[in-house]
Amino acid sequence: TPAMLAVAITDMDAAYADAAQRPVLLSRTNIMPGGVSFNNFTAGVYKWDSYLTFAGSHFNIVGGQNDIFIFQIASYVTIAASMKAQLVSDGTGRGVPQASNIFWQVGGYLVLGASAHLEGTFLVTGYVTFGASSTLNGRV
């Protein structure tokens, strides 16, 4: 219904604003600016001042089941074909990160290439495009 849509938009706007205002360490700002080919992301907040492209085969989101991950991207995000986000335990016996604790705050658009896979909740101000056979464990 239109009323439910209005509530959903208000909730997304609030979540977007919350993710955008989270403080980030300088060491987690503009990591591999423009393009990430492989990286291990541990719990915390990461920020890119422009666009972000993931290329290569995979990247790891490393931590425990209660850890929070926030990715702040000022512009757009593109995920290369067949690129996979992998949830990996940090070896402390706390399980693996949960998609429900991963947040992507994107100031532009999101494009997933064919057969790409992502994890988390995407708060996107623009459009989202899923390539053929791409998957998301999470929400947009």
N, C-alpha and C. Protein backbone atom coordinates (compact mmCIF):
# COMPACT_ATOMS: atom_id res chain seq x y z
N THR A 1 0.85 -1.18 0.00
CA THR A 1 0.00 0.00 0.00
C THR A 1 0.89 1.24 0.00
N PRO A 2 0.35 2.36 -0.40
CA PRO A 2 1.13 3.60 -0.37
C PRO A 2 1.62 3.97 1.03
N ALA A 3 0.81 3.70 2.04
CA ALA A 3 1.22 4.01 3.42
C ALA A 3 2.42 3.16 3.84
N MET A 4 2.41 1.87 3.49
CA MET A 4 3.53 1.00 3.82
C MET A 4 4.80 1.41 3.07
N LEU A 5 4.64 1.85 1.83
CA LEU A 5 5.78 2.32 1.05
C LEU A 5 6.38 3.58 1.69
N ALA A 6 5.55 4.47 2.13
CA ALA A 6 6.02 5.70 2.78
C ALA A 6 6.82 5.38 4.05
N VAL A 7 6.34 4.43 4.83
CA VAL A 7 7.05 4.01 6.04
C VAL A 7 8.40 3.38 5.67
N ALA A 8 8.41 2.54 4.65
CA ALA A 8 9.65 1.89 4.22
C ALA A 8 10.68 2.93 3.76
N ILE A 9 10.25 3.93 3.02
CA ILE A 9 11.16 4.98 2.55
C ILE A 9 11.70 5.77 3.74
N THR A 10 10.85 6.11 4.68
CA THR A 10 11.29 6.83 5.87
C THR A 10 12.30 6.02 6.67
N ASP A 11 12.04 4.72 6.82
CA ASP A 11 12.96 3.85 7.55
C ASP A 11 14.30 3.74 6.83
N MET A 12 14.29 3.62 5.50
CA MET A 12 15.53 3.54 4.74
C MET A 12 16.31 4.83 4.85
N ASP A 13 15.64 5.96 4.77
CA ASP A 13 16.31 7.26 4.91
C ASP A 13 16.98 7.38 6.28
N ALA A 14 16.31 6.94 7.33
CA ALA A 14 16.88 6.99 8.68
C ALA A 14 18.10 6.07 8.80
N ALA A 15 18.01 4.86 8.25
CA ALA A 15 19.14 3.93 8.29
C ALA A 15 20.31 4.46 7.48
N TYR A 16 20.05 5.06 6.33
CA TYR A 16 21.10 5.65 5.49
C TYR A 16 21.83 6.76 6.25
N ALA A 17 21.06 7.64 6.86
CA ALA A 17 21.65 8.75 7.63
C ALA A 17 22.47 8.23 8.80
N ASP A 18 21.98 7.22 9.48
CA ASP A 18 22.70 6.64 10.61
C ASP A 18 24.03 6.05 10.14
N ALA A 19 24.01 5.26 9.07
CA ALA A 19 25.25 4.66 8.56
C ALA A 19 26.23 5.73 8.09
N ALA A 20 25.73 6.79 7.47
CA ALA A 20 26.59 7.85 6.93
C ALA A 20 27.31 8.63 8.02
N GLN A 21 26.72 8.75 9.20
CA GLN A 21 27.32 9.57 10.25
C GLN A 21 28.28 8.79 11.15
N ARG A 22 28.41 7.48 10.94
CA ARG A 22 29.29 6.69 11.79
C ARG A 22 30.74 7.10 11.57
N PRO A 23 31.50 7.30 12.66
CA PRO A 23 32.91 7.71 12.51
C PRO A 23 33.76 6.57 11.94
N VAL A 24 34.80 6.96 11.19
CA VAL A 24 35.69 5.99 10.56
C VAL A 24 37.13 6.36 10.86
N LEU A 25 37.95 5.34 11.10
CA LEU A 25 39.38 5.56 11.32
C LEU A 25 40.05 5.95 10.01
N LEU A 26 41.06 6.81 10.09
CA LEU A 26 41.78 7.22 8.89
C LEU A 26 42.36 6.02 8.16
N SER A 27 42.80 5.01 8.90
CA SER A 27 43.39 3.82 8.29
C SER A 27 42.38 2.99 7.51
N ARG A 28 41.10 3.28 7.67
CA ARG A 28 40.05 2.55 6.95
C ARG A 28 39.34 3.44 5.94
N THR A 29 40.01 4.51 5.54
CA THR A 29 39.45 5.44 4.57
C THR A 29 40.17 5.27 3.23
N ASN A 30 39.39 5.12 2.17
CA ASN A 30 39.91 5.01 0.80
C ASN A 30 40.94 3.89 0.64
N ILE A 31 40.64 2.72 1.21
CA ILE A 31 41.49 1.55 1.02
C ILE A 31 41.40 1.14 -0.45
N MET A 32 42.54 0.98 -1.08
CA MET A 32 42.58 0.64 -2.51
C MET A 32 41.59 1.52 -3.27
N PRO A 33 41.80 2.85 -3.28
CA PRO A 33 40.81 3.75 -3.87
C PRO A 33 40.44 3.36 -5.29
N GLY A 34 39.15 3.36 -5.52
CA GLY A 34 38.65 3.03 -6.85
C GLY A 34 38.39 1.55 -7.06
N GLY A 35 39.39 0.71 -6.75
CA GLY A 35 39.21 -0.70 -7.06
C GLY A 35 39.81 -1.64 -6.04
N VAL A 36 39.01 -2.57 -5.56
CA VAL A 36 39.46 -3.58 -4.61
C VAL A 36 39.50 -4.91 -5.35
N SER A 37 40.69 -5.51 -5.40
CA SER A 37 40.80 -6.80 -6.07
C SER A 37 40.77 -7.95 -5.07
N PHE A 38 41.23 -7.71 -3.87
CA PHE A 38 41.12 -8.69 -2.79
C PHE A 38 41.41 -7.96 -1.50
N ASN A 39 40.66 -8.27 -0.47
CA ASN A 39 40.92 -7.67 0.82
C ASN A 39 40.19 -8.47 1.88
N ASN A 40 40.70 -8.39 3.10
CA ASN A 40 40.01 -8.90 4.27
C ASN A 40 39.49 -7.70 5.04
N PHE A 41 38.19 -7.60 5.17
CA PHE A 41 37.58 -6.52 5.93
C PHE A 41 37.19 -7.06 7.30
N THR A 42 37.75 -6.48 8.36
CA THR A 42 37.38 -6.86 9.72
C THR A 42 36.31 -5.90 10.21
N ALA A 43 35.72 -6.20 11.36
CA ALA A 43 34.60 -5.40 11.88
C ALA A 43 34.97 -3.93 12.00
N GLY A 44 33.99 -3.07 11.70
CA GLY A 44 34.19 -1.64 11.82
C GLY A 44 33.59 -0.89 10.65
N VAL A 45 34.00 0.37 10.51
CA VAL A 45 33.48 1.26 9.48
C VAL A 45 34.59 1.54 8.47
N TYR A 46 34.23 1.46 7.19
CA TYR A 46 35.14 1.76 6.08
C TYR A 46 34.50 2.85 5.23
N LYS A 47 35.36 3.71 4.64
CA LYS A 47 34.82 4.84 3.88
C LYS A 47 35.62 5.06 2.60
N TRP A 48 34.88 5.31 1.50
CA TRP A 48 35.48 5.71 0.24
C TRP A 48 34.84 7.04 -0.16
N ASP A 49 35.69 8.01 -0.52
CA ASP A 49 35.20 9.34 -0.87
C ASP A 49 34.67 9.45 -2.29
N SER A 50 34.82 8.40 -3.07
CA SER A 50 34.27 8.41 -4.42
C SER A 50 33.66 7.04 -4.70
N TYR A 51 33.89 6.50 -5.87
CA TYR A 51 33.30 5.22 -6.25
C TYR A 51 34.16 4.05 -5.76
N LEU A 52 33.60 2.86 -5.87
CA LEU A 52 34.31 1.65 -5.47
C LEU A 52 33.96 0.53 -6.46
N THR A 53 35.01 -0.14 -6.92
CA THR A 53 34.84 -1.28 -7.82
C THR A 53 35.51 -2.49 -7.20
N PHE A 54 34.80 -3.60 -7.13
CA PHE A 54 35.38 -4.86 -6.69
C PHE A 54 35.65 -5.70 -7.93
N ALA A 55 36.91 -6.07 -8.12
CA ALA A 55 37.32 -6.89 -9.25
C ALA A 55 38.10 -8.08 -8.71
N GLY A 56 38.19 -9.13 -9.49
CA GLY A 56 38.89 -10.32 -9.03
C GLY A 56 37.89 -11.41 -8.70
N SER A 57 38.33 -12.36 -7.86
CA SER A 57 37.47 -13.51 -7.58
C SER A 57 36.65 -13.37 -6.30
N HIS A 58 37.23 -12.75 -5.25
CA HIS A 58 36.49 -12.65 -3.98
C HIS A 58 37.13 -11.64 -3.03
N PHE A 59 36.36 -11.27 -2.02
CA PHE A 59 36.88 -10.55 -0.87
C PHE A 59 36.24 -11.15 0.36
N ASN A 60 36.91 -11.01 1.50
CA ASN A 60 36.46 -11.64 2.74
C ASN A 60 35.95 -10.61 3.73
N ILE A 61 34.86 -10.93 4.39
CA ILE A 61 34.35 -10.17 5.52
C ILE A 61 34.60 -11.06 6.73
N VAL A 62 35.57 -10.65 7.56
CA VAL A 62 36.14 -11.51 8.60
C VAL A 62 35.73 -11.03 9.99
N GLY A 63 35.18 -11.94 10.79
CA GLY A 63 34.81 -11.57 12.15
C GLY A 63 33.98 -12.66 12.80
N GLY A 64 33.18 -12.24 13.78
CA GLY A 64 32.28 -13.13 14.50
C GLY A 64 30.84 -12.79 14.20
N GLN A 65 29.93 -13.61 14.72
CA GLN A 65 28.52 -13.47 14.37
C GLN A 65 27.86 -12.19 14.88
N ASN A 66 28.44 -11.52 15.86
CA ASN A 66 27.84 -10.28 16.38
C ASN A 66 28.57 -9.02 15.92
N ASP A 67 29.62 -9.17 15.10
CA ASP A 67 30.38 -8.02 14.63
C ASP A 67 29.57 -7.21 13.62
N ILE A 68 29.80 -5.90 13.61
CA ILE A 68 29.12 -4.97 12.71
C ILE A 68 30.12 -4.44 11.68
N PHE A 69 29.68 -4.38 10.43
CA PHE A 69 30.49 -3.88 9.33
C PHE A 69 29.68 -2.81 8.61
N ILE A 70 30.28 -1.63 8.40
CA ILE A 70 29.61 -0.56 7.66
C ILE A 70 30.56 -0.08 6.58
N PHE A 71 30.07 -0.05 5.34
CA PHE A 71 30.85 0.41 4.20
C PHE A 71 30.17 1.68 3.68
N GLN A 72 30.85 2.81 3.78
CA GLN A 72 30.33 4.09 3.33
C GLN A 72 30.98 4.43 1.98
N ILE A 73 30.19 4.51 0.93
CA ILE A 73 30.71 4.82 -0.40
C ILE A 73 29.97 6.05 -0.91
N ALA A 74 30.72 7.12 -1.20
CA ALA A 74 30.11 8.39 -1.58
C ALA A 74 29.41 8.34 -2.92
N SER A 75 29.90 7.52 -3.84
CA SER A 75 29.33 7.49 -5.18
C SER A 75 28.77 6.10 -5.47
N TYR A 76 29.23 5.47 -6.52
CA TYR A 76 28.64 4.19 -6.94
C TYR A 76 29.53 3.01 -6.57
N VAL A 77 28.94 1.80 -6.64
CA VAL A 77 29.65 0.54 -6.41
C VAL A 77 29.38 -0.38 -7.59
N THR A 78 30.46 -0.95 -8.13
CA THR A 78 30.30 -1.98 -9.16
C THR A 78 31.03 -3.24 -8.68
N ILE A 79 30.40 -4.36 -8.93
CA ILE A 79 30.93 -5.66 -8.55
C ILE A 79 31.16 -6.44 -9.84
N ALA A 80 32.40 -6.84 -10.08
CA ALA A 80 32.74 -7.55 -11.32
C ALA A 80 32.01 -8.89 -11.40
N ALA A 81 31.87 -9.36 -12.61
CA ALA A 81 31.26 -10.67 -12.84
C ALA A 81 32.01 -11.74 -12.04
N SER A 82 31.26 -12.60 -11.41
CA SER A 82 31.77 -13.74 -10.63
C SER A 82 32.49 -13.37 -9.34
N MET A 83 32.54 -12.10 -8.97
CA MET A 83 33.15 -11.67 -7.70
C MET A 83 32.25 -12.11 -6.55
N LYS A 84 32.84 -12.64 -5.50
CA LYS A 84 32.07 -13.17 -4.38
C LYS A 84 32.50 -12.52 -3.07
N ALA A 85 31.53 -12.13 -2.26
CA ALA A 85 31.79 -11.74 -0.87
C ALA A 85 31.71 -13.02 -0.04
N GLN A 86 32.73 -13.26 0.77
CA GLN A 86 32.79 -14.47 1.58
C GLN A 86 32.78 -14.08 3.06
N LEU A 87 31.93 -14.72 3.83
CA LEU A 87 31.87 -14.52 5.28
C LEU A 87 32.82 -15.53 5.92
N VAL A 88 33.80 -15.01 6.68
CA VAL A 88 34.88 -15.84 7.21
C VAL A 88 35.02 -15.62 8.71
N SER A 89 35.14 -16.69 9.46
CA SER A 89 35.38 -16.61 10.90
C SER A 89 36.76 -16.02 11.17
N ASP A 90 36.85 -15.25 12.25
CA ASP A 90 38.16 -14.72 12.65
C ASP A 90 38.93 -15.71 13.52
N GLY A 91 38.39 -16.91 13.71
CA GLY A 91 39.10 -17.96 14.44
C GLY A 91 38.99 -17.88 15.95
N THR A 92 38.10 -17.03 16.46
CA THR A 92 37.96 -16.87 17.91
C THR A 92 36.83 -17.71 18.49
N GLY A 93 36.18 -18.52 17.65
CA GLY A 93 35.08 -19.35 18.12
C GLY A 93 33.76 -18.62 18.23
N ARG A 94 33.65 -17.43 17.62
CA ARG A 94 32.42 -16.64 17.69
C ARG A 94 31.57 -16.78 16.45
N GLY A 95 31.81 -17.79 15.65
CA GLY A 95 31.04 -17.98 14.43
C GLY A 95 31.55 -17.12 13.30
N VAL A 96 30.69 -16.91 12.30
CA VAL A 96 31.05 -16.08 11.15
C VAL A 96 30.16 -14.83 11.12
N PRO A 97 30.61 -13.77 10.45
CA PRO A 97 29.75 -12.58 10.33
C PRO A 97 28.40 -12.93 9.72
N GLN A 98 27.40 -12.18 10.12
CA GLN A 98 26.03 -12.38 9.61
C GLN A 98 25.69 -11.26 8.63
N ALA A 99 25.02 -11.64 7.54
CA ALA A 99 24.62 -10.65 6.54
C ALA A 99 23.78 -9.53 7.17
N SER A 100 23.02 -9.86 8.20
CA SER A 100 22.16 -8.85 8.86
C SER A 100 22.96 -7.80 9.62
N ASN A 101 24.27 -8.01 9.79
CA ASN A 101 25.13 -7.05 10.48
C ASN A 101 26.10 -6.34 9.54
N ILE A 102 25.84 -6.43 8.23
CA ILE A 102 26.69 -5.79 7.22
C ILE A 102 25.85 -4.76 6.49
N PHE A 103 26.33 -3.51 6.48
CA PHE A 103 25.57 -2.40 5.90
C PHE A 103 26.42 -1.67 4.87
N TRP A 104 25.85 -1.44 3.70
CA TRP A 104 26.50 -0.72 2.61
C TRP A 104 25.71 0.56 2.38
N GLN A 105 26.29 1.70 2.69
CA GLN A 105 25.66 3.00 2.51
C GLN A 105 26.26 3.59 1.23
N VAL A 106 25.45 3.62 0.16
CA VAL A 106 25.94 3.97 -1.17
C VAL A 106 25.24 5.24 -1.66
N GLY A 107 26.05 6.26 -1.97
CA GLY A 107 25.51 7.55 -2.38
C GLY A 107 25.11 7.63 -3.84
N GLY A 108 25.26 6.57 -4.57
CA GLY A 108 24.88 6.55 -5.99
C GLY A 108 24.14 5.28 -6.31
N TYR A 109 24.72 4.47 -7.19
CA TYR A 109 24.05 3.25 -7.62
C TYR A 109 24.91 2.02 -7.32
N LEU A 110 24.31 0.84 -7.46
CA LEU A 110 24.98 -0.44 -7.26
C LEU A 110 24.73 -1.31 -8.48
N VAL A 111 25.82 -1.89 -9.03
CA VAL A 111 25.71 -2.81 -10.16
C VAL A 111 26.46 -4.08 -9.82
N LEU A 112 25.76 -5.22 -9.85
CA LEU A 112 26.37 -6.53 -9.66
C LEU A 112 26.52 -7.19 -11.02
N GLY A 113 27.75 -7.61 -11.33
CA GLY A 113 27.99 -8.32 -12.57
C GLY A 113 27.38 -9.71 -12.55
N ALA A 114 27.37 -10.35 -13.69
CA ALA A 114 26.82 -11.70 -13.82
C ALA A 114 27.51 -12.66 -12.85
N SER A 115 26.72 -13.46 -12.16
CA SER A 115 27.19 -14.48 -11.22
C SER A 115 27.95 -13.93 -10.01
N ALA A 116 27.85 -12.64 -9.74
CA ALA A 116 28.46 -12.06 -8.54
C ALA A 116 27.60 -12.38 -7.33
N HIS A 117 28.20 -12.33 -6.14
CA HIS A 117 27.46 -12.60 -4.91
C HIS A 117 27.87 -11.59 -3.84
N LEU A 118 26.89 -10.99 -3.16
CA LEU A 118 27.15 -10.05 -2.08
C LEU A 118 26.38 -10.44 -0.83
N GLU A 119 26.83 -9.86 0.29
CA GLU A 119 26.22 -10.09 1.59
C GLU A 119 25.89 -8.74 2.22
N GLY A 120 24.73 -8.63 2.85
CA GLY A 120 24.42 -7.45 3.64
C GLY A 120 23.20 -6.68 3.20
N THR A 121 22.99 -5.56 3.87
CA THR A 121 21.89 -4.65 3.59
C THR A 121 22.45 -3.47 2.82
N PHE A 122 21.85 -3.17 1.68
CA PHE A 122 22.31 -2.09 0.82
C PHE A 122 21.34 -0.91 0.91
N LEU A 123 21.86 0.22 1.37
CA LEU A 123 21.11 1.46 1.48
C LEU A 123 21.61 2.34 0.33
N VAL A 124 20.90 2.35 -0.76
CA VAL A 124 21.37 2.94 -2.02
C VAL A 124 20.45 4.09 -2.42
N THR A 125 21.03 5.25 -2.74
CA THR A 125 20.20 6.39 -3.13
C THR A 125 19.77 6.34 -4.58
N GLY A 126 20.49 5.59 -5.41
CA GLY A 126 20.16 5.48 -6.82
C GLY A 126 19.57 4.13 -7.15
N TYR A 127 19.90 3.64 -8.33
CA TYR A 127 19.34 2.37 -8.78
C TYR A 127 20.24 1.20 -8.42
N VAL A 128 19.68 0.00 -8.51
CA VAL A 128 20.40 -1.26 -8.27
C VAL A 128 20.15 -2.16 -9.46
N THR A 129 21.23 -2.72 -10.01
CA THR A 129 21.12 -3.63 -11.14
C THR A 129 21.80 -4.95 -10.79
N PHE A 130 21.08 -6.05 -10.97
CA PHE A 130 21.62 -7.39 -10.76
C PHE A 130 21.86 -8.03 -12.12
N GLY A 131 23.11 -8.47 -12.36
CA GLY A 131 23.41 -9.19 -13.59
C GLY A 131 22.83 -10.60 -13.54
N ALA A 132 22.86 -11.28 -14.67
CA ALA A 132 22.34 -12.64 -14.76
C ALA A 132 23.01 -13.55 -13.73
N SER A 133 22.21 -14.29 -12.99
CA SER A 133 22.66 -15.26 -11.99
C SER A 133 23.41 -14.63 -10.81
N SER A 134 23.34 -13.31 -10.64
CA SER A 134 23.95 -12.70 -9.45
C SER A 134 23.02 -12.90 -8.26
N THR A 135 23.59 -12.90 -7.04
CA THR A 135 22.81 -13.18 -5.84
C THR A 135 23.17 -12.22 -4.72
N LEU A 136 22.24 -12.07 -3.80
CA LEU A 136 22.43 -11.25 -2.62
C LEU A 136 21.84 -11.98 -1.44
N ASN A 137 22.64 -12.15 -0.40
CA ASN A 137 22.15 -12.65 0.88
C ASN A 137 21.97 -11.42 1.74
N GLY A 138 20.78 -10.85 1.72
CA GLY A 138 20.53 -9.60 2.44
C GLY A 138 19.34 -8.88 1.87
N ARG A 139 19.43 -7.53 1.90
CA ARG A 139 18.30 -6.72 1.47
C ARG A 139 18.79 -5.49 0.71
N VAL A 140 17.92 -4.93 -0.11
CA VAL A 140 18.18 -3.67 -0.80
C VAL A 140 17.09 -2.71 -0.40
